Amino acid sequence: MNLTKHPALLILAPLLFFASTPVIAVEVEPPAEPTPVEISPTDSIEAGEAEDAFKKANPCEGMMQGEFMGPDICVTCHEDKLDTMMMSPHGQVADPNSPFGKEGCETCHGPGELHFETEGNCTISMTGRYGESVEMRNDICLQCHQSDNRIHWFSSAHETEGLACVSCHSIHKPHDVTERTVQAEKCYTCHQDKRAQSFRASSHPIKDGTLVCSDCHNAHGSAGPSSLQQFTVNENCYSCHAEKRGPFLWEHIPASEDCRLCHNVHGSNHQALLNKPGPRLCQQCHAAISAGGGRTHISNFLDFDKSSPGRARFIAGSNCLNCHSKVHGSNHPSGRALQR
């Protein structure tokens, strides 16, 4: 039969062929149910004020994927946090390097689709509410904050101890740990011994807010000891006490080696942050010194002999610094004994 003479059959022929083909049913397995994540009963973090912003165990696999909802959706439950963000560098829409210059809240917390569908759960929680590891949470911050004074974060003391960025920082609070008036108290939550030392009779002006921990230490790690801002203890001290730097014509070796040999930098019960009272401190190295002429110079303080029974071991006002006032070093031609 010549189909070219019957154009209508050319159209109907394919339809008749597929209509006669048997349909084979394929059984499709339903998607596997994700494992629910149990929320800690001690979780006291506010989830918001909206009706659907309650917390319960929900399947949270896949919260890294999904559609971005936008800050306008987030604000329906988290208006307080959004107001704070607008006052911080993170909330600057005009800055392409800012989270709000990208996807807003979801730049850090991940796409909000699953969070919305699970009625306020299943988002990337910086507090680890859904089992997020410290490394995962820190990586979010380090996407932007891995330069400048944070290049030593990896293998630093705080990173080694497993601290998260949110252990100290909170971008949703108006006064973060970077605020000088509250910084010391945040550090003291772990460093209680340093807090106690700051209340001693002689201490740096930390309580007054004139000096804060970050003036000397870099909490994110450094190339120096004890996470100091400079490479050595002395260089750190010289940043404020430049007159002690030298070089001196006559140097006092311990002073140029390590300030901590004589001073307790966080606080002391002795004047000028000294580790011990003046005479005792000097006697650690100078117990056998003499002034010539057969006189035992140090006997004024130690009473090695009975030549001066009227001189008590620690006479009021007696101190090596009464004579050797240039204890950090002297530039005087006759200053070998650090007296001038």
Protein backbone atom coordinates (compact mmCIF):
# COMPACT_ATOMS: atom_id res chain seq x y z
CA MET A 1 0.00 0.00 0.00
CA ASN A 2 1.47 3.34 -0.98
CA LEU A 3 1.21 5.64 2.08
CA THR A 4 2.34 8.68 0.13
CA LYS A 5 -1.05 8.74 -1.53
CA HIS A 6 -2.76 8.82 1.90
CA PRO A 7 -1.15 11.60 4.00
CA ALA A 8 -3.47 11.03 6.93
CA LEU A 9 -2.05 7.54 7.41
CA LEU A 10 1.45 9.01 7.79
CA ILE A 11 0.25 10.81 10.93
CA LEU A 12 -1.76 7.93 12.38
CA ALA A 13 0.84 5.20 11.77
CA PRO A 14 3.22 6.12 14.65
CA LEU A 15 0.31 6.50 17.05
CA LEU A 16 -1.05 3.08 16.14
CA PHE A 17 2.39 1.53 16.62
CA PHE A 18 2.95 2.91 20.15
CA ALA A 19 -0.62 2.14 21.13
CA SER A 20 -0.03 -1.54 20.39
CA THR A 21 3.25 -1.63 22.39
CA PRO A 22 2.75 -3.25 25.83
CA VAL A 23 3.46 -1.02 28.85
CA ILE A 24 5.88 -2.51 31.38
CA ALA A 25 5.38 -1.31 34.97
CA VAL A 26 8.61 -0.52 36.83
CA GLU A 27 8.51 -0.56 40.61
CA VAL A 28 10.25 2.54 42.00
CA GLU A 29 11.61 2.31 45.51
CA PRO A 30 10.52 5.15 47.78
CA PRO A 31 13.32 7.43 49.02
CA ALA A 32 14.94 6.29 52.24
CA GLU A 33 13.78 8.05 55.35
CA PRO A 34 16.56 10.27 56.75
CA THR A 35 17.72 9.60 60.28
CA PRO A 36 16.17 12.00 62.80
CA VAL A 37 18.58 14.13 64.83
CA GLU A 38 17.91 14.22 68.54
CA ILE A 39 18.05 17.68 70.08
CA SER A 40 19.75 17.93 73.44
CA PRO A 41 17.24 18.43 76.28
CA THR A 42 19.62 21.02 77.75
CA ASP A 43 19.25 23.19 74.64
CA SER A 44 18.06 26.54 75.96
CA ILE A 45 18.59 28.62 72.82
CA GLU A 46 15.60 30.69 71.83
CA ALA A 47 14.07 29.54 68.56
CA GLY A 48 12.01 32.66 67.96
CA GLU A 49 8.61 34.09 68.83
CA ALA A 50 6.54 32.95 65.84
CA GLU A 51 3.96 30.19 66.26
CA ASP A 52 5.85 27.74 64.09
CA ALA A 53 9.25 28.46 65.66
CA PHE A 54 9.27 25.56 68.10
CA LYS A 55 11.97 22.94 68.48
CA LYS A 56 11.55 19.22 68.20
CA ALA A 57 13.47 16.31 66.67
CA ASN A 58 13.25 16.45 62.89
CA PRO A 59 15.07 14.80 59.99
CA CYS A 60 17.94 17.14 59.22
CA GLU A 61 19.83 15.42 56.43
CA GLY A 62 20.12 17.63 53.38
CA MET A 63 20.09 20.95 55.18
CA MET A 64 23.10 22.01 53.10
CA GLN A 65 20.94 21.77 49.97
CA GLY A 66 17.71 23.44 48.95
CA GLU A 67 16.39 26.80 47.86
CA PHE A 68 17.40 30.09 49.41
CA MET A 69 14.42 31.80 50.99
CA GLY A 70 15.91 35.27 51.52
CA PRO A 71 16.13 37.54 54.60
CA ASP A 72 12.53 38.68 54.16
CA ILE A 73 11.39 35.18 55.14
CA CYS A 74 13.88 34.97 58.04
CA VAL A 75 12.65 38.22 59.54
CA THR A 76 9.18 36.79 60.16
CA CYS A 77 10.62 34.77 63.05
CA HIS A 78 14.00 36.36 63.76
CA GLU A 79 13.35 40.08 63.65
CA ASP A 80 15.52 40.71 66.72
CA LYS A 81 18.54 39.05 65.13
CA LEU A 82 18.05 40.83 61.82
CA ASP A 83 17.94 44.21 63.56
CA THR A 84 21.30 43.43 65.19
CA MET A 85 22.80 42.29 61.90
CA MET A 86 21.89 45.54 60.19
CA MET A 87 24.10 47.36 62.70
CA SER A 88 27.13 45.14 62.09
CA PRO A 89 29.59 44.69 59.21
CA HIS A 90 27.95 41.34 58.42
CA GLY A 91 24.69 43.02 57.49
CA GLN A 92 25.97 45.47 54.87
CA VAL A 93 24.08 44.69 51.66
CA ALA A 94 26.29 47.02 49.61
CA ASP A 95 29.44 45.09 50.53
CA PRO A 96 29.85 42.00 48.30
CA ASN A 97 32.17 40.45 50.89
CA SER A 98 29.51 40.69 53.60
CA PRO A 99 27.06 37.80 54.21
CA PHE A 100 24.17 40.14 53.45
CA GLY A 101 25.91 41.10 50.23
CA LYS A 102 25.41 37.47 49.18
CA GLU A 103 22.55 35.34 50.51
CA GLY A 104 21.87 37.10 53.79
CA CYS A 105 21.34 34.85 56.81
CA GLU A 106 21.62 31.78 54.58
CA THR A 107 25.21 32.62 53.67
CA CYS A 108 26.18 31.17 57.06
CA HIS A 109 23.15 29.08 58.03
CA GLY A 110 22.64 27.36 54.68
CA PRO A 111 19.58 27.33 52.41
CA GLY A 112 16.41 27.89 54.42
CA GLU A 113 14.04 25.63 52.48
CA LEU A 114 14.32 22.64 54.83
CA HIS A 115 14.36 24.95 57.86
CA PHE A 116 11.05 26.41 56.69
CA GLU A 117 9.50 23.04 55.89
CA THR A 118 10.42 21.56 59.29
CA GLU A 119 8.83 24.48 61.14
CA GLY A 120 11.94 26.12 62.47
CA ASN A 121 14.41 23.23 62.69
CA CYS A 122 17.05 21.76 60.41
CA THR A 123 19.32 24.65 59.63
CA ILE A 124 23.06 25.00 60.15
CA SER A 125 23.23 25.94 63.82
CA MET A 126 26.43 27.67 64.90
CA THR A 127 25.85 26.31 68.40
CA GLY A 128 25.84 22.72 67.14
CA ARG A 129 22.16 22.13 67.93
CA TYR A 130 21.76 19.51 65.20
CA GLY A 131 25.07 17.74 65.70
CA GLU A 132 27.22 20.07 63.61
CA SER A 133 30.89 19.48 64.35
CA VAL A 134 33.16 22.26 65.61
CA GLU A 135 35.19 21.95 62.43
CA MET A 136 32.12 22.39 60.23
CA ARG A 137 30.98 25.47 62.13
CA ASN A 138 34.43 27.03 62.18
CA ASP A 139 34.85 26.44 58.45
CA ILE A 140 31.85 28.70 57.82
CA CYS A 141 33.54 31.57 59.65
CA LEU A 142 36.93 30.84 58.11
CA GLN A 143 35.53 31.23 54.61
CA CYS A 144 35.88 34.97 55.19
CA HIS A 145 38.01 35.26 58.34
CA GLN A 146 41.21 33.40 57.56
CA SER A 147 43.59 36.28 56.90
CA ASP A 148 45.30 38.98 58.94
CA ASN A 149 45.70 37.98 62.59
CA ARG A 150 43.89 34.66 62.09
CA ILE A 151 46.45 32.94 59.87
CA HIS A 152 47.80 31.06 62.91
CA TRP A 153 44.42 29.68 63.99
CA PHE A 154 45.14 26.12 62.92
CA SER A 155 47.26 24.40 65.60
CA SER A 156 46.76 27.36 67.95
CA ALA A 157 46.01 26.72 71.62
CA HIS A 158 42.30 27.45 71.29
CA GLU A 159 41.89 25.44 68.10
CA THR A 160 43.72 22.49 69.64
CA GLU A 161 41.36 22.59 72.63
CA GLY A 162 38.40 22.22 70.25
CA LEU A 163 36.92 25.68 70.73
CA ALA A 164 34.43 26.97 68.18
CA CYS A 165 34.38 30.56 67.00
CA VAL A 166 31.02 30.97 68.74
CA SER A 167 32.62 29.95 72.02
CA CYS A 168 33.79 33.56 72.20
CA HIS A 169 32.00 35.41 69.38
CA SER A 170 28.36 36.08 68.62
CA ILE A 171 27.46 38.22 65.65
CA HIS A 172 23.84 38.44 66.84
CA LYS A 173 24.76 40.38 69.98
CA PRO A 174 25.45 44.11 69.93
CA HIS A 175 28.49 43.73 72.26
CA ASP A 176 30.76 40.98 71.04
CA VAL A 177 34.00 39.87 72.69
CA THR A 178 35.73 42.46 70.51
CA GLU A 179 34.17 45.14 72.73
CA ARG A 180 36.93 46.18 75.13
CA THR A 181 34.62 46.63 78.11
CA VAL A 182 33.46 42.98 78.10
CA GLN A 183 36.42 41.17 76.59
CA ALA A 184 38.27 40.32 79.80
CA GLU A 185 35.22 38.70 81.42
CA LYS A 186 34.80 36.45 78.39
CA CYS A 187 38.43 35.33 78.64
CA TYR A 188 38.07 34.81 82.39
CA THR A 189 35.37 32.17 81.86
CA CYS A 190 38.25 29.79 81.06
CA HIS A 191 41.28 31.60 82.51
CA GLN A 192 40.15 31.87 86.12
CA ASP A 193 43.72 31.94 87.44
CA LYS A 194 44.47 35.07 85.42
CA ARG A 195 41.31 36.70 86.76
CA ALA A 196 42.47 36.06 90.32
CA GLN A 197 45.89 37.54 89.56
CA SER A 198 44.30 40.69 88.13
CA PHE A 199 42.80 41.44 91.56
CA ARG A 200 46.15 41.42 93.33
CA ALA A 201 47.66 44.56 94.83
CA SER A 202 49.78 45.28 91.73
CA SER A 203 48.35 44.51 88.31
CA HIS A 204 47.97 45.86 84.84
CA PRO A 205 44.91 48.15 84.50
CA ILE A 206 42.65 45.41 83.13
CA LYS A 207 39.83 46.14 85.58
CA ASP A 208 39.77 49.74 84.37
CA GLY A 209 39.54 48.69 80.73
CA THR A 210 42.74 50.57 79.90
CA LEU A 211 44.38 47.27 78.96
CA VAL A 212 42.60 44.20 77.61
CA CYS A 213 43.75 40.68 76.86
CA SER A 214 43.98 41.24 73.10
CA ASP A 215 46.50 44.06 73.61
CA CYS A 216 49.06 41.39 74.49
CA HIS A 217 47.56 38.11 73.22
CA ASN A 218 46.11 36.97 69.92
CA ALA A 219 43.35 34.51 70.77
CA HIS A 220 43.55 33.08 67.25
CA GLY A 221 47.18 32.04 67.68
CA SER A 222 50.53 33.58 66.83
CA ALA A 223 54.13 32.74 66.02
CA GLY A 224 55.21 33.76 69.52
CA PRO A 225 54.85 31.99 72.87
CA SER A 226 51.53 32.01 74.74
CA SER A 227 49.78 33.44 71.66
CA LEU A 228 51.50 36.78 72.17
CA GLN A 229 51.12 39.51 69.60
CA GLN A 230 54.91 39.74 69.15
CA PHE A 231 57.56 37.05 68.73
CA THR A 232 58.99 37.29 72.27
CA VAL A 233 57.78 38.26 75.72
CA ASN A 234 60.09 41.26 75.85
CA GLU A 235 58.99 42.60 72.48
CA ASN A 236 55.42 42.35 73.72
CA CYS A 237 56.26 44.35 76.83
CA TYR A 238 58.27 46.92 74.88
CA SER A 239 55.19 47.82 72.85
CA CYS A 240 54.12 49.83 75.94
CA HIS A 241 57.35 50.05 77.96
CA ALA A 242 59.65 51.32 75.23
CA GLU A 243 62.00 52.99 77.72
CA LYS A 244 63.02 49.54 78.96
CA ARG A 245 64.05 48.35 75.51
CA GLY A 246 67.64 49.55 75.27
CA PRO A 247 70.22 48.89 73.96
CA PHE A 248 72.09 50.03 77.06
CA LEU A 249 75.75 50.67 77.63
CA TRP A 250 75.42 48.59 80.80
CA GLU A 251 72.78 45.93 80.46
CA HIS A 252 71.11 43.94 83.19
CA ILE A 253 71.11 40.52 81.51
CA PRO A 254 67.93 39.06 83.10
CA ALA A 255 65.96 42.17 82.14
CA SER A 256 67.00 41.90 78.50
CA GLU A 257 66.39 38.14 78.44
CA ASP A 258 62.84 37.75 79.77
CA CYS A 259 60.73 40.24 81.73
CA ARG A 260 58.99 37.34 83.49
CA LEU A 261 62.19 36.47 85.37
CA CYS A 262 61.35 39.38 87.65
CA HIS A 263 57.72 40.29 86.90
CA ASN A 264 54.40 38.46 87.03
CA VAL A 265 52.62 40.17 84.17
CA HIS A 266 49.04 39.31 85.19
CA GLY A 267 49.30 40.51 88.76
CA SER A 268 51.38 40.34 91.94
CA ASN A 269 51.08 41.14 95.63
CA HIS A 270 54.41 42.97 95.42
CA GLN A 271 55.07 46.39 93.93
CA ALA A 272 55.70 46.77 90.20
CA LEU A 273 54.36 43.26 89.48
CA LEU A 274 57.50 41.72 91.00
CA ASN A 275 57.57 37.98 91.62
CA LYS A 276 59.05 38.55 95.09
CA PRO A 277 59.84 41.54 97.33
CA GLY A 278 62.73 43.64 96.08
CA PRO A 279 65.63 42.28 98.19
CA ARG A 280 64.54 38.66 97.90
CA LEU A 281 64.17 38.95 94.14
CA CYS A 282 67.70 40.26 93.70
CA GLN A 283 69.15 37.69 96.11
CA GLN A 284 68.10 34.90 93.74
CA CYS A 285 71.14 35.83 91.65
CA HIS A 286 73.20 38.13 93.87
CA ALA A 287 73.36 36.24 97.18
CA ALA A 288 77.19 36.25 97.39
CA ILE A 289 78.00 39.74 96.11
CA SER A 290 80.44 41.93 98.07
CA ALA A 291 81.25 45.63 98.01
CA GLY A 292 85.01 45.26 98.64
CA GLY A 293 87.05 46.22 101.67
CA GLY A 294 86.22 42.96 103.38
CA ARG A 295 82.59 44.00 103.89
CA THR A 296 79.82 41.58 102.99
CA HIS A 297 77.57 43.80 100.93
CA ILE A 298 74.50 41.66 101.09
CA SER A 299 74.65 41.18 104.87
CA ASN A 300 72.45 44.23 105.24
CA PHE A 301 69.60 41.98 104.18
CA LEU A 302 70.68 38.42 105.00
CA ASP A 303 72.69 38.91 108.22
CA PHE A 304 75.33 36.35 107.31
CA ASP A 305 77.44 37.58 110.23
CA LYS A 306 76.82 39.32 113.54
CA SER A 307 78.68 42.50 112.63
CA SER A 308 75.45 44.49 112.49
CA PRO A 309 73.03 42.85 114.92
CA GLY A 310 70.88 45.96 114.91
CA ARG A 311 70.01 45.53 111.23
CA ALA A 312 67.04 43.24 110.81
CA ARG A 313 66.78 40.95 107.82
CA PHE A 314 64.25 43.16 106.04
CA ILE A 315 64.54 46.69 107.35
CA ALA A 316 61.67 48.99 106.43
CA GLY A 317 62.63 50.92 103.32
CA SER A 318 65.69 48.79 102.58
CA ASN A 319 65.69 47.78 98.97
CA CYS A 320 68.34 47.16 96.33
CA LEU A 321 66.56 49.72 94.16
CA ASN A 322 67.36 52.44 96.70
CA CYS A 323 70.86 52.46 95.22
CA HIS A 324 70.65 50.43 92.02
CA SER A 325 67.78 52.38 90.50
CA LYS A 326 68.62 51.65 86.85
CA VAL A 327 67.79 47.97 87.20
CA HIS A 328 66.80 47.55 83.53
CA GLY A 329 70.05 49.02 82.23
CA SER A 330 72.15 52.17 82.27
CA ASN A 331 73.71 54.40 79.64
CA HIS A 332 75.82 56.37 82.14
CA PRO A 333 79.60 55.94 81.73
CA SER A 334 79.83 55.14 85.45
CA GLY A 335 76.69 53.03 85.48
CA ARG A 336 78.30 49.63 85.62
CA ALA A 337 76.58 48.93 88.96
CA LEU A 338 73.27 50.22 87.54
CA GLN A 339 73.30 53.05 90.11
CA ARG A 340 73.02 55.94 87.67
